[in-house]
């Protein structure tokens, strides 16, 4: 695990809010662009995910918004030996964390859009299970959308003429209109 930490930490700790981390299976396609960094690690997706979460929690500047694919819940053990254990372990890690379970195409679209303006860190693991990749959108760890909404409301009250014609959304949660976004959680079918 030290090898993985040594490869991940220098890249991860440079990222801030609105950047993304993808803990990917070996065949996961990388988006094009100079903002994409790829690191290979000799560990499983689950072990790498734990390591990334530990590094983020120790740093404290960013919190993860975790994205996993709906398709993972539909992959049968007979086609991908080990998938059940992977799913169960991942679900336990997600229980107390903010996460989305969406169609993998939605995740791909989010990453393609993010690659245009923000940095993406791809960590390729040795897990060879379909739909096992995990995408993490980084959000500010010490400031949330409620706090931002309060500040924007106060600015509008204090400086009415300075308010923009249309206020931007204060919640950085993406609005998904294709294939829908499910309630956060549950990988099980």
Protein backbone atom coordinates (compact mmCIF):
# COMPACT_ATOMS: atom_id res chain seq x y z
CA UNK A 1 0.00 0.00 0.00
CA UNK A 2 2.96 2.32 0.53
CA UNK A 3 3.69 2.19 -3.21
CA UNK A 4 0.12 3.27 -3.97
CA UNK A 5 0.19 6.04 -1.35
CA UNK A 6 3.51 7.36 -2.68
CA UNK A 7 2.10 7.49 -6.22
CA UNK A 8 -1.30 8.90 -5.28
CA UNK A 9 -0.58 11.46 -2.54
CA UNK A 10 1.52 13.99 -4.48
CA UNK A 11 -1.10 14.22 -7.23
CA UNK A 12 -4.18 14.05 -5.01
CA UNK A 13 -3.05 16.69 -2.56
CA UNK A 14 -2.64 19.23 -5.39
CA UNK A 15 -6.34 19.03 -6.25
CA UNK A 16 -9.05 21.30 -4.95
CA UNK A 17 -12.80 21.69 -5.22
CA UNK A 18 -14.34 20.90 -8.61
CA UNK A 19 -11.44 18.60 -9.52
CA UNK A 20 -12.12 14.88 -9.96
CA UNK A 21 -10.43 11.62 -8.99
CA UNK A 22 -11.27 8.42 -10.83
CA UNK A 23 -10.23 5.10 -9.34
CA UNK A 24 -10.40 3.05 -12.50
CA UNK A 25 -10.27 -0.46 -13.77
CA UNK A 26 -7.34 -0.97 -16.23
CA UNK A 27 -9.51 -0.62 -19.38
CA UNK A 28 -11.34 2.55 -18.33
CA UNK A 29 -10.95 5.19 -21.07
CA UNK A 30 -9.13 8.41 -20.22
CA UNK A 31 -10.69 11.67 -21.39
CA UNK A 32 -8.46 13.67 -23.70
CA UNK A 33 -6.88 16.82 -22.42
CA UNK A 34 -3.90 18.31 -20.71
CA UNK A 35 -5.79 18.46 -17.41
CA UNK A 36 -5.83 14.66 -17.11
CA UNK A 37 -3.13 12.95 -15.05
CA UNK A 38 -2.90 9.15 -14.92
CA UNK A 39 -1.19 7.16 -12.17
CA UNK A 40 -0.92 3.37 -12.15
CA UNK A 41 -1.01 1.52 -8.83
CA UNK A 42 -0.53 -2.19 -8.04
CA UNK A 43 -3.57 -2.31 -5.73
CA UNK A 44 -7.27 -3.10 -5.99
CA UNK A 45 -9.95 -0.51 -6.62
CA UNK A 46 -11.31 -1.01 -3.08
CA UNK A 47 -7.89 -0.65 -1.40
CA UNK A 48 -7.12 2.40 -3.54
CA UNK A 49 -10.52 3.92 -2.71
CA UNK A 50 -9.79 3.48 1.01
CA UNK A 51 -6.40 5.12 0.53
CA UNK A 52 -7.88 8.10 -1.34
CA UNK A 53 -10.56 8.54 1.32
CA UNK A 54 -7.91 8.41 4.06
CA UNK A 55 -5.75 11.01 2.30
CA UNK A 56 -8.75 13.32 1.75
CA UNK A 57 -9.88 12.98 5.35
CA UNK A 58 -6.38 13.71 6.66
CA UNK A 59 -6.06 16.77 4.44
CA UNK A 60 -9.52 18.07 5.31
CA UNK A 61 -9.65 20.72 2.57
CA UNK A 62 -11.90 18.69 0.26
CA UNK A 63 -14.70 16.20 0.76
CA UNK A 64 -15.67 13.52 -1.76
CA UNK A 65 -18.91 13.30 -3.70
CA UNK A 66 -18.73 9.73 -4.89
CA UNK A 67 -20.18 8.48 -8.16
CA UNK A 68 -20.65 4.76 -8.89
CA UNK A 69 -22.31 3.06 -11.81
CA UNK A 70 -25.78 1.49 -11.68
CA UNK A 71 -24.52 -1.26 -13.97
CA UNK A 72 -22.33 -2.59 -11.16
CA UNK A 73 -25.45 -3.90 -9.41
CA UNK A 74 -26.45 -5.90 -12.50
CA UNK A 75 -23.16 -7.70 -13.18
CA UNK A 76 -23.60 -11.40 -12.29
CA UNK A 77 -20.97 -13.29 -10.31
CA UNK A 78 -20.97 -15.98 -13.04
CA UNK A 79 -19.65 -13.44 -15.57
CA UNK A 80 -17.29 -11.60 -13.24
CA UNK A 81 -16.02 -13.75 -10.36
CA UNK A 82 -15.37 -11.51 -7.35
CA UNK A 83 -17.95 -8.88 -8.25
CA UNK A 84 -20.23 -9.75 -5.32
CA UNK A 85 -17.46 -9.26 -2.76
CA UNK A 86 -16.43 -6.02 -4.50
CA UNK A 87 -20.03 -4.71 -4.44
CA UNK A 88 -20.56 -5.65 -0.80
CA UNK A 89 -17.31 -4.05 0.34
CA UNK A 90 -17.98 -0.91 -1.71
CA UNK A 91 -21.51 -0.60 -0.36
CA UNK A 92 -20.18 -0.78 3.21
CA UNK A 93 -17.65 1.98 2.44
CA UNK A 94 -20.41 4.15 0.96
CA UNK A 95 -22.89 3.81 3.84
CA UNK A 96 -21.89 6.99 5.66
CA UNK A 97 -20.69 8.94 2.65
CA UNK A 98 -22.41 11.23 0.16
CA UNK A 99 -22.72 9.30 -3.10
CA UNK A 100 -24.67 8.87 -6.30
CA UNK A 101 -25.49 5.66 -8.16
CA UNK A 102 -26.11 6.54 -11.81
CA UNK A 103 -25.79 5.12 -15.29
CA UNK A 104 -22.13 4.92 -16.32
CA UNK A 105 -22.82 7.18 -19.32
CA UNK A 106 -23.80 9.97 -16.91
CA UNK A 107 -20.47 9.59 -15.12
CA UNK A 108 -18.64 9.66 -18.45
CA UNK A 109 -20.47 12.87 -19.41
CA UNK A 110 -19.63 14.48 -16.06
CA UNK A 111 -15.95 13.60 -16.50
CA UNK A 112 -15.83 14.83 -20.10
CA UNK A 113 -17.36 18.14 -19.03
CA UNK A 114 -15.06 18.47 -16.01
CA UNK A 115 -11.98 17.77 -18.15
CA UNK A 116 -12.68 20.98 -20.07
CA UNK A 117 -12.19 23.24 -17.04
CA UNK A 118 -10.73 21.25 -14.16
CA UNK A 119 -8.04 18.71 -13.34
CA UNK A 120 -8.78 15.00 -13.34
CA UNK A 121 -6.62 12.42 -11.60
CA UNK A 122 -7.07 8.90 -12.94
CA UNK A 123 -5.71 6.15 -10.76
CA UNK A 124 -5.59 2.86 -12.66
CA UNK A 125 -5.81 -0.17 -10.39
CA UNK A 126 -5.34 -3.90 -10.91
CA UNK A 127 -9.07 -4.69 -10.45
CA UNK A 128 -10.44 -6.35 -13.56
CA UNK A 129 -14.16 -6.19 -12.87
CA UNK A 130 -16.63 -4.43 -15.18
CA UNK A 131 -18.19 -1.21 -13.90
CA UNK A 132 -15.99 -1.27 -10.79
CA UNK A 133 -14.53 2.19 -11.32
CA UNK A 134 -15.34 4.93 -8.82
CA UNK A 135 -15.46 8.64 -9.68
CA UNK A 136 -14.99 11.24 -6.97
CA UNK A 137 -15.95 14.87 -7.41
CA UNK A 138 -14.12 17.01 -4.88
CA UNK A 139 -16.04 19.64 -2.95
CA UNK A 140 -14.86 22.18 -0.41
CA UNK A 141 -14.45 20.53 2.97
CA UNK A 142 -14.86 23.65 5.05
CA UNK A 143 -17.63 25.42 3.10
CA UNK A 144 -20.88 23.92 1.84
CA UNK A 145 -23.74 24.95 -0.42
CA UNK A 146 -25.90 26.10 2.53
CA UNK A 147 -23.16 28.46 3.70
CA UNK A 148 -22.67 29.75 0.15
CA UNK A 149 -26.42 30.35 -0.27
CA UNK A 150 -26.46 32.33 2.97
CA UNK A 151 -23.56 34.51 1.85
CA UNK A 152 -25.14 35.13 -1.55
CA UNK A 153 -28.45 36.06 0.10
CA UNK A 154 -26.66 38.49 2.40
CA UNK A 155 -24.75 40.02 -0.54
CA UNK A 156 -28.03 40.55 -2.39
CA UNK A 157 -29.55 42.22 0.68
CA UNK A 158 -26.49 44.41 1.31
CA UNK A 159 -25.83 45.33 -2.32
CA UNK A 160 -29.11 45.02 -4.29
CA UNK A 161 -27.74 46.69 -7.41
CA UNK A 162 -24.72 44.37 -7.47
CA UNK A 163 -26.83 41.23 -7.71
CA UNK A 164 -26.57 39.45 -11.07
CA UNK A 165 -29.68 39.28 -13.23
CA UNK A 166 -29.96 35.55 -12.67
CA UNK A 167 -28.40 34.07 -9.57
CA UNK A 168 -26.38 30.94 -10.23
CA UNK A 169 -27.31 27.75 -8.41
CA UNK A 170 -25.55 27.62 -5.06
CA UNK A 171 -25.51 23.85 -4.80
CA UNK A 172 -22.69 22.29 -6.80
CA UNK A 173 -24.70 19.09 -7.18
CA UNK A 174 -25.00 18.45 -10.91
CA UNK A 175 -28.45 18.38 -12.43
CA UNK A 176 -28.75 15.16 -14.36
CA UNK A 177 -31.42 14.84 -17.01
CA UNK A 178 -30.29 11.74 -18.90
CA UNK A 179 -31.16 8.34 -17.46
CA UNK A 180 -31.98 10.08 -14.19
CA UNK A 181 -30.12 10.28 -10.98
CA UNK A 182 -31.19 7.83 -8.36
CA UNK A 183 -31.43 8.46 -4.70
CA UNK A 184 -27.94 8.48 -3.28
CA UNK A 185 -26.85 5.01 -2.37
CA UNK A 186 -27.66 1.40 -2.89
CA UNK A 187 -25.71 -0.64 -5.37
CA UNK A 188 -27.85 -3.70 -4.78
CA UNK A 189 -30.57 -4.52 -7.23
